[in-house]
Amino acid sequence: MDPLRILKALSNPHRLDIILWLKHPEKEFGVQVHTKTLIDFPNSVSVKSIQKRCGVSQSSISTFMSILENAELVESRKIDQYTYFRRNEEVIREFGDWYNKEVSIQSDDIDKLLETLNLEDTSYPTTEETSAPGEQLAAEINTKGSDHDENRK
């Protein structure tokens, strides 16, 4: 499993949709025509069905599916003259585990982070302290602007 390749593959909205649709293939695409797919390659969908649902060209779907397959997110099988795809659940699960461990903030990590925070820290400037210099700067600009106008006359 290559997390970077998977993240790149899922960065395209069409490819992400395809992975999400393939989670429930019968609901999203209907029953597939070839009975061999039900026996030999269950939960698979033909490229033509994916193209129809996605609404893009055949070449775009081929590119999308190639990228998803290179990321190991889908598996393919040729049945007669048609190519069928299905999700590679093992890799998707492995990626999810990796993401939860390495990327997302776990609840125990949040608790540790909160322990390090001092919510009564007064070292940061207050609203009043930060607004005064800005008001002084605005007054200086207005003053300089009016002098400049008087010199022109």
C-alpha atoms as a PDB file:
ATOM      1  CA  MET A   1       0.000   0.000   0.000  1.00  0.00           C
ATOM      2  CA  ASP A   2       1.356   3.386  -1.045  1.00  0.00           C
ATOM      3  CA  PRO A   3      -0.498   6.123   0.891  1.00  0.00           C
ATOM      4  CA  LEU A   4       0.743   8.935  -1.338  1.00  0.00           C
ATOM      5  CA  ARG A   5      -0.425   7.153  -4.488  1.00  0.00           C
ATOM      6  CA  ILE A   6      -3.814   6.507  -2.854  1.00  0.00           C
ATOM      7  CA  LEU A   7      -4.205  10.124  -1.757  1.00  0.00           C
ATOM      8  CA  LYS A   8      -3.351  11.320  -5.265  1.00  0.00           C
ATOM      9  CA  ALA A   9      -5.834   8.852  -6.780  1.00  0.00           C
ATOM     10  CA  LEU A  10      -8.612  10.056  -4.479  1.00  0.00           C
ATOM     11  CA  SER A  11      -7.838  13.744  -5.052  1.00  0.00           C
ATOM     12  CA  ASN A  12      -9.954  13.778  -8.210  1.00  0.00           C
ATOM     13  CA  PRO A  13     -13.707  14.109  -7.538  1.00  0.00           C
ATOM     14  CA  HIS A  14     -14.660  11.594 -10.264  1.00  0.00           C
ATOM     15  CA  ARG A  15     -12.251   8.959  -8.965  1.00  0.00           C
ATOM     16  CA  LEU A  16     -13.444   9.500  -5.409  1.00  0.00           C
ATOM     17  CA  ASP A  17     -17.057   9.153  -6.585  1.00  0.00           C
ATOM     18  CA  ILE A  18     -16.212   5.905  -8.363  1.00  0.00           C
ATOM     19  CA  ILE A  19     -14.687   4.420  -5.196  1.00  0.00           C
ATOM     20  CA  LEU A  20     -17.734   5.522  -3.191  1.00  0.00           C
ATOM     21  CA  TRP A  21     -20.168   4.144  -5.781  1.00  0.00           C
ATOM     22  CA  LEU A  22     -18.338   0.810  -5.927  1.00  0.00           C
ATOM     23  CA  LYS A  23     -18.967   0.381  -2.201  1.00  0.00           C
ATOM     24  CA  HIS A  24     -22.614  -0.475  -3.050  1.00  0.00           C
ATOM     25  CA  PRO A  25     -22.455  -1.546  -6.719  1.00  0.00           C
ATOM     26  CA  GLU A  26     -25.993  -2.929  -7.134  1.00  0.00           C
ATOM     27  CA  LYS A  27     -27.531   0.173  -5.574  1.00  0.00           C
ATOM     28  CA  GLU A  28     -25.398   2.584  -7.616  1.00  0.00           C
ATOM     29  CA  PHE A  29     -25.168   0.734 -10.955  1.00  0.00           C
ATOM     30  CA  GLY A  30     -27.878  -1.935 -10.928  1.00  0.00           C
ATOM     31  CA  VAL A  31     -27.333  -5.636 -11.517  1.00  0.00           C
ATOM     32  CA  GLN A  32     -24.618  -6.327 -14.083  1.00  0.00           C
ATOM     33  CA  VAL A  33     -25.506  -8.237 -17.243  1.00  0.00           C
ATOM     34  CA  HIS A  34     -22.985 -11.067 -17.185  1.00  0.00           C
ATOM     35  CA  THR A  35     -23.854 -13.859 -14.783  1.00  0.00           C
ATOM     36  CA  LYS A  36     -20.143 -14.768 -14.705  1.00  0.00           C
ATOM     37  CA  THR A  37     -19.472 -11.563 -12.773  1.00  0.00           C
ATOM     38  CA  LEU A  38     -21.789 -12.678  -9.994  1.00  0.00           C
ATOM     39  CA  ILE A  39     -19.969 -16.006  -9.651  1.00  0.00           C
ATOM     40  CA  ASP A  40     -16.353 -15.314 -10.668  1.00  0.00           C
ATOM     41  CA  PHE A  41     -15.982 -11.643  -9.734  1.00  0.00           C
ATOM     42  CA  PRO A  42     -18.746 -10.565  -7.311  1.00  0.00           C
ATOM     43  CA  ASN A  43     -19.491  -6.897  -6.573  1.00  0.00           C
ATOM     44  CA  SER A  44     -17.928  -5.826  -9.856  1.00  0.00           C
ATOM     45  CA  VAL A  45     -19.139  -3.267 -12.378  1.00  0.00           C
ATOM     46  CA  SER A  46     -18.404  -2.904 -16.079  1.00  0.00           C
ATOM     47  CA  VAL A  47     -16.431   0.034 -17.389  1.00  0.00           C
ATOM     48  CA  LYS A  48     -19.440   0.973 -19.530  1.00  0.00           C
ATOM     49  CA  SER A  49     -21.676   1.228 -16.437  1.00  0.00           C
ATOM     50  CA  ILE A  50     -19.084   3.350 -14.638  1.00  0.00           C
ATOM     51  CA  GLN A  51     -18.728   5.616 -17.675  1.00  0.00           C
ATOM     52  CA  LYS A  52     -22.482   6.043 -17.964  1.00  0.00           C
ATOM     53  CA  ARG A  53     -22.843   6.941 -14.269  1.00  0.00           C
ATOM     54  CA  CYS A  54     -19.850   9.284 -14.326  1.00  0.00           C
ATOM     55  CA  GLY A  55     -20.893  11.058 -17.513  1.00  0.00           C
ATOM     56  CA  VAL A  56     -17.411  11.375 -19.026  1.00  0.00           C
ATOM     57  CA  SER A  57     -15.710   9.940 -22.106  1.00  0.00           C
ATOM     58  CA  GLN A  58     -14.489   6.355 -22.434  1.00  0.00           C
ATOM     59  CA  SER A  59     -10.874   7.533 -22.482  1.00  0.00           C
ATOM     60  CA  SER A  60     -11.368   9.530 -19.270  1.00  0.00           C
ATOM     61  CA  ILE A  61     -12.885   6.508 -17.520  1.00  0.00           C
ATOM     62  CA  SER A  62     -10.003   4.345 -18.715  1.00  0.00           C
ATOM     63  CA  THR A  63      -7.549   6.859 -17.266  1.00  0.00           C
ATOM     64  CA  PHE A  64      -9.483   7.113 -13.995  1.00  0.00           C
ATOM     65  CA  MET A  65      -9.664   3.346 -13.603  1.00  0.00           C
ATOM     66  CA  SER A  66      -5.992   2.931 -14.463  1.00  0.00           C
ATOM     67  CA  ILE A  67      -5.025   5.417 -11.744  1.00  0.00           C
ATOM     68  CA  LEU A  68      -7.296   3.709  -9.209  1.00  0.00           C
ATOM     69  CA  GLU A  69      -5.883   0.316 -10.170  1.00  0.00           C
ATOM     70  CA  ASN A  70      -2.266   1.548  -9.915  1.00  0.00           C
ATOM     71  CA  ALA A  71      -3.100   2.789  -6.418  1.00  0.00           C
ATOM     72  CA  GLU A  72      -4.461  -0.729  -5.732  1.00  0.00           C
ATOM     73  CA  LEU A  73      -7.866   0.686  -4.767  1.00  0.00           C
ATOM     74  CA  VAL A  74      -9.651  -1.428  -7.395  1.00  0.00           C
ATOM     75  CA  GLU A  75      -9.180  -4.821  -8.999  1.00  0.00           C
ATOM     76  CA  SER A  76     -10.112  -5.635 -12.580  1.00  0.00           C
ATOM     77  CA  ARG A  77     -11.045  -8.703 -14.527  1.00  0.00           C
ATOM     78  CA  LYS A  78     -11.782  -9.167 -18.219  1.00  0.00           C
ATOM     79  CA  ILE A  79     -14.940 -11.211 -18.784  1.00  0.00           C
ATOM     80  CA  ASP A  80     -15.621 -11.898 -22.449  1.00  0.00           C
ATOM     81  CA  GLN A  81     -14.913  -8.588 -24.204  1.00  0.00           C
ATOM     82  CA  TYR A  82     -15.775  -6.450 -21.153  1.00  0.00           C
ATOM     83  CA  THR A  83     -13.633  -5.250 -18.265  1.00  0.00           C
ATOM     84  CA  TYR A  84     -15.115  -5.233 -14.782  1.00  0.00           C
ATOM     85  CA  PHE A  85     -13.872  -3.448 -11.679  1.00  0.00           C
ATOM     86  CA  ARG A  86     -14.494  -3.802  -7.974  1.00  0.00           C
ATOM     87  CA  ARG A  87     -13.053  -2.247  -4.846  1.00  0.00           C
ATOM     88  CA  ASN A  88      -9.976  -3.795  -3.247  1.00  0.00           C
ATOM     89  CA  GLU A  89     -11.383  -3.834   0.274  1.00  0.00           C
ATOM     90  CA  GLU A  90      -8.159  -5.126   1.829  1.00  0.00           C
ATOM     91  CA  VAL A  91      -6.118  -2.149   0.619  1.00  0.00           C
ATOM     92  CA  ILE A  92      -8.905   0.308   1.465  1.00  0.00           C
ATOM     93  CA  ARG A  93      -9.041  -1.066   5.023  1.00  0.00           C
ATOM     94  CA  GLU A  94      -5.245  -0.945   5.313  1.00  0.00           C
ATOM     95  CA  PHE A  95      -5.224   2.677   4.089  1.00  0.00           C
ATOM     96  CA  GLY A  96      -7.977   3.584   6.570  1.00  0.00           C
ATOM     97  CA  ASP A  97      -5.985   2.051   9.417  1.00  0.00           C
ATOM     98  CA  TRP A  98      -2.841   3.897   8.311  1.00  0.00           C
ATOM     99  CA  TYR A  99      -4.737   7.195   8.016  1.00  0.00           C
ATOM    100  CA  ASN A 100      -6.311   6.833  11.455  1.00  0.00           C
ATOM    101  CA  LYS A 101      -2.957   6.031  13.031  1.00  0.00           C
ATOM    102  CA  GLU A 102      -0.702   8.496  11.213  1.00  0.00           C
ATOM    103  CA  VAL A 103      -2.847  11.421  10.122  1.00  0.00           C
ATOM    104  CA  SER A 104      -5.980  11.869  12.189  1.00  0.00           C
ATOM    105  CA  ILE A 105      -5.955  13.125  15.729  1.00  0.00           C
ATOM    106  CA  GLN A 106      -7.038  10.375  18.056  1.00  0.00           C
ATOM    107  CA  SER A 107      -9.070  11.201  21.153  1.00  0.00           C
ATOM    108  CA  ASP A 108      -6.177  10.239  23.461  1.00  0.00           C
ATOM    109  CA  ASP A 109      -3.921  12.631  21.527  1.00  0.00           C
ATOM    110  CA  ILE A 110      -6.468  15.416  21.989  1.00  0.00           C
ATOM    111  CA  ASP A 111      -6.513  14.774  25.741  1.00  0.00           C
ATOM    112  CA  LYS A 112      -2.695  14.967  25.848  1.00  0.00           C
ATOM    113  CA  LEU A 113      -2.764  18.189  23.828  1.00  0.00           C
ATOM    114  CA  LEU A 114      -5.335  19.757  26.135  1.00  0.00           C
ATOM    115  CA  GLU A 115      -3.198  18.894  29.168  1.00  0.00           C
ATOM    116  CA  THR A 116      -0.329  20.964  27.728  1.00  0.00           C
ATOM    117  CA  LEU A 117      -2.454  24.056  27.176  1.00  0.00           C
ATOM    118  CA  ASN A 118      -2.644  26.719  29.837  1.00  0.00           C
ATOM    119  CA  LEU A 119      -5.975  28.378  29.111  1.00  0.00           C
ATOM    120  CA  GLU A 120      -5.250  31.176  31.551  1.00  0.00           C
ATOM    121  CA  ASP A 121      -2.058  32.226  29.771  1.00  0.00           C
ATOM    122  CA  THR A 122      -1.884  36.036  29.857  1.00  0.00           C
ATOM    123  CA  SER A 123       1.226  36.446  27.731  1.00  0.00           C
ATOM    124  CA  TYR A 124      -0.844  37.185  24.619  1.00  0.00           C
ATOM    125  CA  PRO A 125      -1.959  40.795  24.007  1.00  0.00           C
ATOM    126  CA  THR A 126      -5.566  41.627  24.754  1.00  0.00           C
ATOM    127  CA  THR A 127      -7.910  43.268  22.288  1.00  0.00           C
ATOM    128  CA  GLU A 128      -7.422  46.654  23.915  1.00  0.00           C
ATOM    129  CA  GLU A 129      -3.624  46.385  23.702  1.00  0.00           C
ATOM    130  CA  THR A 130      -3.668  45.536  20.013  1.00  0.00           C
ATOM    131  CA  SER A 131      -6.190  48.178  18.932  1.00  0.00           C
ATOM    132  CA  ALA A 132      -4.343  51.226  20.298  1.00  0.00           C
ATOM    133  CA  PRO A 133      -1.311  51.073  17.939  1.00  0.00           C
ATOM    134  CA  GLY A 134      -3.623  50.710  14.959  1.00  0.00           C
ATOM    135  CA  GLU A 135      -5.590  53.791  15.993  1.00  0.00           C
ATOM    136  CA  GLN A 136      -2.351  55.744  16.486  1.00  0.00           C
ATOM    137  CA  LEU A 137      -1.163  54.691  13.028  1.00  0.00           C
ATOM    138  CA  ALA A 138      -4.447  55.806  11.472  1.00  0.00           C
ATOM    139  CA  ALA A 139      -4.162  59.194  13.198  1.00  0.00           C
ATOM    140  CA  GLU A 140      -0.599  59.636  11.904  1.00  0.00           C
ATOM    141  CA  ILE A 141      -1.644  58.807   8.357  1.00  0.00           C
ATOM    142  CA  ASN A 142      -4.517  61.289   8.493  1.00  0.00           C
ATOM    143  CA  THR A 143      -2.191  63.997   9.831  1.00  0.00           C
ATOM    144  CA  LYS A 144       0.443  63.397   7.181  1.00  0.00           C
ATOM    145  CA  GLY A 145      -2.198  63.338   4.512  1.00  0.00           C
ATOM    146  CA  SER A 146      -3.590  66.752   5.450  1.00  0.00           C
ATOM    147  CA  ASP A 147      -0.094  68.365   5.587  1.00  0.00           C
ATOM    148  CA  HIS A 148       0.640  66.996   2.209  1.00  0.00           C
ATOM    149  CA  ASP A 149      -2.557  68.505   0.803  1.00  0.00           C
ATOM    150  CA  GLU A 150      -1.731  71.941   2.289  1.00  0.00           C
ATOM    151  CA  ASN A 151       1.748  71.971   0.699  1.00  0.00           C
ATOM    152  CA  ARG A 152       0.196  71.453  -2.708  1.00  0.00           C
ATOM    153  CA  LYS A 153      -1.827  74.676  -2.496  1.00  0.00           C
END
